[in-house]
Structure formats: structure tokens, C-alpha cells
């Protein structure tokens, strides 16, 4: 978590690349906030950055959460129960699943999620949509990509 006043959000003109569509979620264009998310993936008890995880596990990796569906802000208990259901869904599709966390560099906000491999992009997006998420993440060898679950936009930046 950052304590300084410098924003860690990429600038649209310089660091954020629009893959397709117009990435506007809310009045403030939340896609750019999602793009700045700092990802940590836990592998064999070790907390890895996105780049370290891709190096160790291969690419692509997808990340989905069941927290805060559809803009709701349920209790921690409800978010945990939703993520348990998501884990059960993923268990039926792949055995390559790791715990992960996405954090906002400029606030204490975080969401627990799952990173996984062996599932197509389209299936990962469909899972995000099933759990009422605005977007999912995809990590490639070089890019951190945010893809809308309604397939109308995507943004990317170099993997941190």
C-alpha cells in the first residue's frame, strides 16, 4: 500500500492502451483504476507479483473474484461465501488454481480472488459474468490486461 500522494494509476495517453471499445464503467472511467491494480498470487505459500507468477506458472493466467458483485458492497462474510462458490466453479474446470489478491495502490481497498490456468479467455470472461463482475484480469508474458465481462472493452499495460 502506498502512503505517498503520488498516484499509481497509469496515464491514459502514455501507459494505458485501449484494446477495444470505450472503457468507461462509471462517470470516472473506472477501467483505468482496474488497470492499475497490483496483483499478488500465492504459490506454495509464497506471495508472487504478477510477473513472478507468470514466470513460474506460465501464461496466460486469468483472475476472477466474486467479491462486490454488480457494484454491491456486501459484508466480508458474504464476499467469502461468494468466493467459495467461485472456487467450486473453478474446481470443476481446472486444477490449476491459486489464491490471489488485487490491491489498489492508492487506497486500502483489496479484493480476494483466484488466479487460474487452463481455461480460455472466453470461459474466464463467462465466469466473471456469472459472478456479476464488471471485468476480469488476464496476465500474459508481457501484459496485464483488464477485459470487460460484457465484451465491450479491454485495456492493457506492461506487466509490473
C-alpha atoms as a PDB file:
ATOM      1  CA  UNK A   1       0.000   0.000   0.000  1.00  0.00           C
ATOM      2  CA  UNK A   2       1.231   3.411  -0.905  1.00  0.00           C
ATOM      3  CA  UNK A   3       1.468   6.132   1.687  1.00  0.00           C
ATOM      4  CA  UNK A   4       2.671   8.856  -0.657  1.00  0.00           C
ATOM      5  CA  UNK A   5       0.466  11.274  -2.553  1.00  0.00           C
ATOM      6  CA  UNK A   6       1.684  10.188  -5.996  1.00  0.00           C
ATOM      7  CA  UNK A   7      -0.973   8.343  -7.955  1.00  0.00           C
ATOM      8  CA  UNK A   8      -0.026   4.909  -9.258  1.00  0.00           C
ATOM      9  CA  UNK A   9      -2.745   4.893 -11.875  1.00  0.00           C
ATOM     10  CA  UNK A  10      -1.426   4.795 -15.425  1.00  0.00           C
ATOM     11  CA  UNK A  11      -1.993   7.834 -17.569  1.00  0.00           C
ATOM     12  CA  UNK A  12      -4.389   7.121 -20.403  1.00  0.00           C
ATOM     13  CA  UNK A  13      -2.264   8.692 -23.107  1.00  0.00           C
ATOM     14  CA  UNK A  14       1.034   7.117 -22.048  1.00  0.00           C
ATOM     15  CA  UNK A  15       0.745   3.842 -20.159  1.00  0.00           C
ATOM     16  CA  UNK A  16      -2.791   2.546 -20.710  1.00  0.00           C
ATOM     17  CA  UNK A  17      -3.589   1.025 -24.054  1.00  0.00           C
ATOM     18  CA  UNK A  18      -7.160   0.539 -25.173  1.00  0.00           C
ATOM     19  CA  UNK A  19      -7.504  -2.844 -26.838  1.00  0.00           C
ATOM     20  CA  UNK A  20     -11.053  -2.266 -27.995  1.00  0.00           C
ATOM     21  CA  UNK A  21     -14.186  -0.346 -27.111  1.00  0.00           C
ATOM     22  CA  UNK A  22     -14.603   2.672 -24.863  1.00  0.00           C
ATOM     23  CA  UNK A  23     -13.521   1.708 -21.335  1.00  0.00           C
ATOM     24  CA  UNK A  24     -15.961   3.733 -19.273  1.00  0.00           C
ATOM     25  CA  UNK A  25     -17.542   1.936 -16.354  1.00  0.00           C
ATOM     26  CA  UNK A  26     -18.680   4.821 -14.242  1.00  0.00           C
ATOM     27  CA  UNK A  27     -18.545   8.563 -14.516  1.00  0.00           C
ATOM     28  CA  UNK A  28     -14.841   8.424 -13.625  1.00  0.00           C
ATOM     29  CA  UNK A  29     -13.795   5.778 -16.143  1.00  0.00           C
ATOM     30  CA  UNK A  30     -13.087   3.056 -13.589  1.00  0.00           C
ATOM     31  CA  UNK A  31     -11.370   0.854 -16.207  1.00  0.00           C
ATOM     32  CA  UNK A  32      -8.207   2.855 -15.627  1.00  0.00           C
ATOM     33  CA  UNK A  33      -8.414   2.200 -11.891  1.00  0.00           C
ATOM     34  CA  UNK A  34      -8.762  -1.531 -12.578  1.00  0.00           C
ATOM     35  CA  UNK A  35      -5.755  -1.375 -14.882  1.00  0.00           C
ATOM     36  CA  UNK A  36      -3.578  -0.039 -12.037  1.00  0.00           C
ATOM     37  CA  UNK A  37      -4.463  -2.982  -9.765  1.00  0.00           C
ATOM     38  CA  UNK A  38      -1.489  -4.575  -8.046  1.00  0.00           C
ATOM     39  CA  UNK A  39      -1.801  -8.353  -8.195  1.00  0.00           C
ATOM     40  CA  UNK A  40      -0.296 -10.845  -5.755  1.00  0.00           C
ATOM     41  CA  UNK A  41      -0.648 -14.590  -6.362  1.00  0.00           C
ATOM     42  CA  UNK A  42       0.140 -17.152  -3.652  1.00  0.00           C
ATOM     43  CA  UNK A  43       2.005 -20.203  -4.941  1.00  0.00           C
ATOM     44  CA  UNK A  44       3.228 -22.863  -2.485  1.00  0.00           C
ATOM     45  CA  UNK A  45       2.936 -20.344   0.366  1.00  0.00           C
ATOM     46  CA  UNK A  46       4.981 -17.666  -1.443  1.00  0.00           C
ATOM     47  CA  UNK A  47       3.403 -14.331  -2.417  1.00  0.00           C
ATOM     48  CA  UNK A  48       4.381 -13.562  -6.003  1.00  0.00           C
ATOM     49  CA  UNK A  49       3.963 -10.444  -8.107  1.00  0.00           C
ATOM     50  CA  UNK A  50       2.153 -10.815 -11.410  1.00  0.00           C
ATOM     51  CA  UNK A  51       5.473 -11.027 -13.270  1.00  0.00           C
ATOM     52  CA  UNK A  52       6.886 -13.622 -10.870  1.00  0.00           C
ATOM     53  CA  UNK A  53       3.717 -15.706 -11.102  1.00  0.00           C
ATOM     54  CA  UNK A  54       3.757 -15.706 -14.896  1.00  0.00           C
ATOM     55  CA  UNK A  55       7.430 -16.673 -14.878  1.00  0.00           C
ATOM     56  CA  UNK A  56       6.773 -19.573 -12.516  1.00  0.00           C
ATOM     57  CA  UNK A  57       3.342 -20.745 -13.723  1.00  0.00           C
ATOM     58  CA  UNK A  58       3.320 -19.749 -17.390  1.00  0.00           C
ATOM     59  CA  UNK A  59       0.839 -17.656 -19.303  1.00  0.00           C
ATOM     60  CA  UNK A  60      -1.882 -16.849 -19.760  1.00  0.00           C
ATOM     61  CA  UNK A  61      -3.233 -16.654 -16.244  1.00  0.00           C
ATOM     62  CA  UNK A  62      -6.741 -15.339 -15.592  1.00  0.00           C
ATOM     63  CA  UNK A  63      -8.008 -13.765 -12.380  1.00  0.00           C
ATOM     64  CA  UNK A  64     -11.614 -13.559 -11.244  1.00  0.00           C
ATOM     65  CA  UNK A  65     -13.243 -12.568  -7.970  1.00  0.00           C
ATOM     66  CA  UNK A  66     -16.756 -12.988  -6.662  1.00  0.00           C
ATOM     67  CA  UNK A  67     -16.394 -10.017  -4.303  1.00  0.00           C
ATOM     68  CA  UNK A  68     -18.658  -6.983  -4.598  1.00  0.00           C
ATOM     69  CA  UNK A  69     -20.885  -8.275  -7.404  1.00  0.00           C
ATOM     70  CA  UNK A  70     -22.627  -5.758  -9.625  1.00  0.00           C
ATOM     71  CA  UNK A  71     -21.448  -2.761  -7.639  1.00  0.00           C
ATOM     72  CA  UNK A  72     -22.843  -4.123  -4.367  1.00  0.00           C
ATOM     73  CA  UNK A  73     -20.716  -3.910  -1.224  1.00  0.00           C
ATOM     74  CA  UNK A  74     -21.739  -6.968   0.817  1.00  0.00           C
ATOM     75  CA  UNK A  75     -20.223  -7.998   4.132  1.00  0.00           C
ATOM     76  CA  UNK A  76     -16.883  -9.785   4.376  1.00  0.00           C
ATOM     77  CA  UNK A  77     -18.789 -12.976   5.183  1.00  0.00           C
ATOM     78  CA  UNK A  78     -20.931 -12.699   2.048  1.00  0.00           C
ATOM     79  CA  UNK A  79     -17.876 -11.954  -0.105  1.00  0.00           C
ATOM     80  CA  UNK A  80     -16.123 -15.017   1.350  1.00  0.00           C
ATOM     81  CA  UNK A  81     -19.189 -17.193   0.658  1.00  0.00           C
ATOM     82  CA  UNK A  82     -19.370 -15.870  -2.915  1.00  0.00           C
ATOM     83  CA  UNK A  83     -15.679 -16.672  -3.431  1.00  0.00           C
ATOM     84  CA  UNK A  84     -16.238 -20.197  -2.085  1.00  0.00           C
ATOM     85  CA  UNK A  85     -18.897 -20.710  -4.774  1.00  0.00           C
ATOM     86  CA  UNK A  86     -16.493 -19.329  -7.384  1.00  0.00           C
ATOM     87  CA  UNK A  87     -13.799 -21.763  -6.210  1.00  0.00           C
ATOM     88  CA  UNK A  88     -16.247 -24.648  -6.628  1.00  0.00           C
ATOM     89  CA  UNK A  89     -16.989 -23.477 -10.178  1.00  0.00           C
ATOM     90  CA  UNK A  90     -13.281 -23.292 -10.970  1.00  0.00           C
ATOM     91  CA  UNK A  91     -12.624 -26.718  -9.403  1.00  0.00           C
ATOM     92  CA  UNK A  92     -14.983 -28.188 -11.992  1.00  0.00           C
ATOM     93  CA  UNK A  93     -12.953 -26.669 -14.831  1.00  0.00           C
ATOM     94  CA  UNK A  94      -9.275 -26.821 -13.842  1.00  0.00           C
ATOM     95  CA  UNK A  95      -6.949 -27.976 -11.090  1.00  0.00           C
ATOM     96  CA  UNK A  96      -4.543 -25.088 -11.718  1.00  0.00           C
ATOM     97  CA  UNK A  97      -5.979 -22.571  -9.204  1.00  0.00           C
ATOM     98  CA  UNK A  98      -4.145 -20.234  -6.844  1.00  0.00           C
ATOM     99  CA  UNK A  99      -5.294 -17.717  -4.246  1.00  0.00           C
ATOM    100  CA  UNK A 100      -4.698 -14.122  -5.281  1.00  0.00           C
ATOM    101  CA  UNK A 101      -5.372 -10.565  -4.173  1.00  0.00           C
ATOM    102  CA  UNK A 102      -5.887  -7.424  -6.227  1.00  0.00           C
ATOM    103  CA  UNK A 103      -4.995  -4.168  -4.444  1.00  0.00           C
ATOM    104  CA  UNK A 104      -5.459  -0.516  -5.219  1.00  0.00           C
ATOM    105  CA  UNK A 105      -2.052   1.152  -4.856  1.00  0.00           C
ATOM    106  CA  UNK A 106      -3.631   4.400  -3.655  1.00  0.00           C
ATOM    107  CA  UNK A 107      -6.097   3.133  -1.041  1.00  0.00           C
ATOM    108  CA  UNK A 108      -6.585   0.266   1.391  1.00  0.00           C
ATOM    109  CA  UNK A 109      -9.085  -1.393  -0.997  1.00  0.00           C
ATOM    110  CA  UNK A 110      -8.379  -5.003  -1.962  1.00  0.00           C
ATOM    111  CA  UNK A 111     -10.346  -7.963  -3.233  1.00  0.00           C
ATOM    112  CA  UNK A 112      -9.523 -11.610  -2.770  1.00  0.00           C
ATOM    113  CA  UNK A 113      -9.701 -13.602  -5.973  1.00  0.00           C
ATOM    114  CA  UNK A 114      -8.389 -16.660  -7.764  1.00  0.00           C
ATOM    115  CA  UNK A 115      -5.747 -16.940 -10.435  1.00  0.00           C
ATOM    116  CA  UNK A 116      -6.080 -19.915 -12.727  1.00  0.00           C
ATOM    117  CA  UNK A 117      -4.696 -21.523 -15.862  1.00  0.00           C
ATOM    118  CA  UNK A 118      -6.032 -23.997 -18.367  1.00  0.00           C
ATOM    119  CA  UNK A 119      -9.220 -22.083 -19.133  1.00  0.00           C
ATOM    120  CA  UNK A 120      -9.817 -19.999 -22.252  1.00  0.00           C
ATOM    121  CA  UNK A 121     -10.263 -16.245 -22.176  1.00  0.00           C
ATOM    122  CA  UNK A 122     -13.898 -16.625 -23.263  1.00  0.00           C
ATOM    123  CA  UNK A 123     -14.617 -19.066 -20.437  1.00  0.00           C
ATOM    124  CA  UNK A 124     -12.873 -16.822 -17.892  1.00  0.00           C
ATOM    125  CA  UNK A 125     -14.998 -13.871 -19.033  1.00  0.00           C
ATOM    126  CA  UNK A 126     -18.154 -16.005 -18.825  1.00  0.00           C
ATOM    127  CA  UNK A 127     -17.243 -16.964 -15.247  1.00  0.00           C
ATOM    128  CA  UNK A 128     -16.768 -13.299 -14.370  1.00  0.00           C
ATOM    129  CA  UNK A 129     -20.141 -12.510 -15.897  1.00  0.00           C
ATOM    130  CA  UNK A 130     -21.778 -15.383 -13.985  1.00  0.00           C
ATOM    131  CA  UNK A 131     -20.486 -13.875 -10.740  1.00  0.00           C
ATOM    132  CA  UNK A 132     -21.696 -10.386 -11.780  1.00  0.00           C
ATOM    133  CA  UNK A 133     -18.250  -8.862 -12.205  1.00  0.00           C
ATOM    134  CA  UNK A 134     -17.529  -5.833 -14.363  1.00  0.00           C
ATOM    135  CA  UNK A 135     -14.217  -7.251 -15.583  1.00  0.00           C
ATOM    136  CA  UNK A 136     -11.576  -9.960 -15.241  1.00  0.00           C
ATOM    137  CA  UNK A 137      -7.791  -9.870 -15.486  1.00  0.00           C
ATOM    138  CA  UNK A 138      -5.527 -11.729 -17.866  1.00  0.00           C
ATOM    139  CA  UNK A 139      -1.762 -11.937 -17.422  1.00  0.00           C
ATOM    140  CA  UNK A 140       0.432 -12.720 -20.415  1.00  0.00           C
ATOM    141  CA  UNK A 141       4.213 -12.865 -20.591  1.00  0.00           C
ATOM    142  CA  UNK A 142       4.326  -9.091 -21.040  1.00  0.00           C
ATOM    143  CA  UNK A 143       0.888  -7.561 -20.338  1.00  0.00           C
ATOM    144  CA  UNK A 144      -1.656  -7.106 -17.553  1.00  0.00           C
ATOM    145  CA  UNK A 145      -4.995  -6.969 -19.348  1.00  0.00           C
ATOM    146  CA  UNK A 146      -8.411  -5.978 -17.998  1.00  0.00           C
ATOM    147  CA  UNK A 147     -11.333  -7.356 -20.038  1.00  0.00           C
ATOM    148  CA  UNK A 148     -14.949  -6.359 -19.533  1.00  0.00           C
ATOM    149  CA  UNK A 149     -17.350  -9.189 -18.840  1.00  0.00           C
ATOM    150  CA  UNK A 150     -19.810  -7.728 -21.345  1.00  0.00           C
ATOM    151  CA  UNK A 151     -17.122  -7.896 -24.070  1.00  0.00           C
ATOM    152  CA  UNK A 152     -17.360  -4.167 -24.859  1.00  0.00           C
ATOM    153  CA  UNK A 153     -13.870  -3.013 -23.808  1.00  0.00           C
ATOM    154  CA  UNK A 154     -10.400  -4.058 -22.786  1.00  0.00           C
ATOM    155  CA  UNK A 155      -7.312  -2.192 -21.590  1.00  0.00           C
ATOM    156  CA  UNK A 156      -3.746  -3.311 -21.017  1.00  0.00           C
ATOM    157  CA  UNK A 157      -0.380  -2.206 -19.683  1.00  0.00           C
ATOM    158  CA  UNK A 158       3.041  -3.784 -19.361  1.00  0.00           C
ATOM    159  CA  UNK A 159       3.102  -6.393 -16.612  1.00  0.00           C
ATOM    160  CA  UNK A 160       4.613  -4.886 -13.474  1.00  0.00           C
END
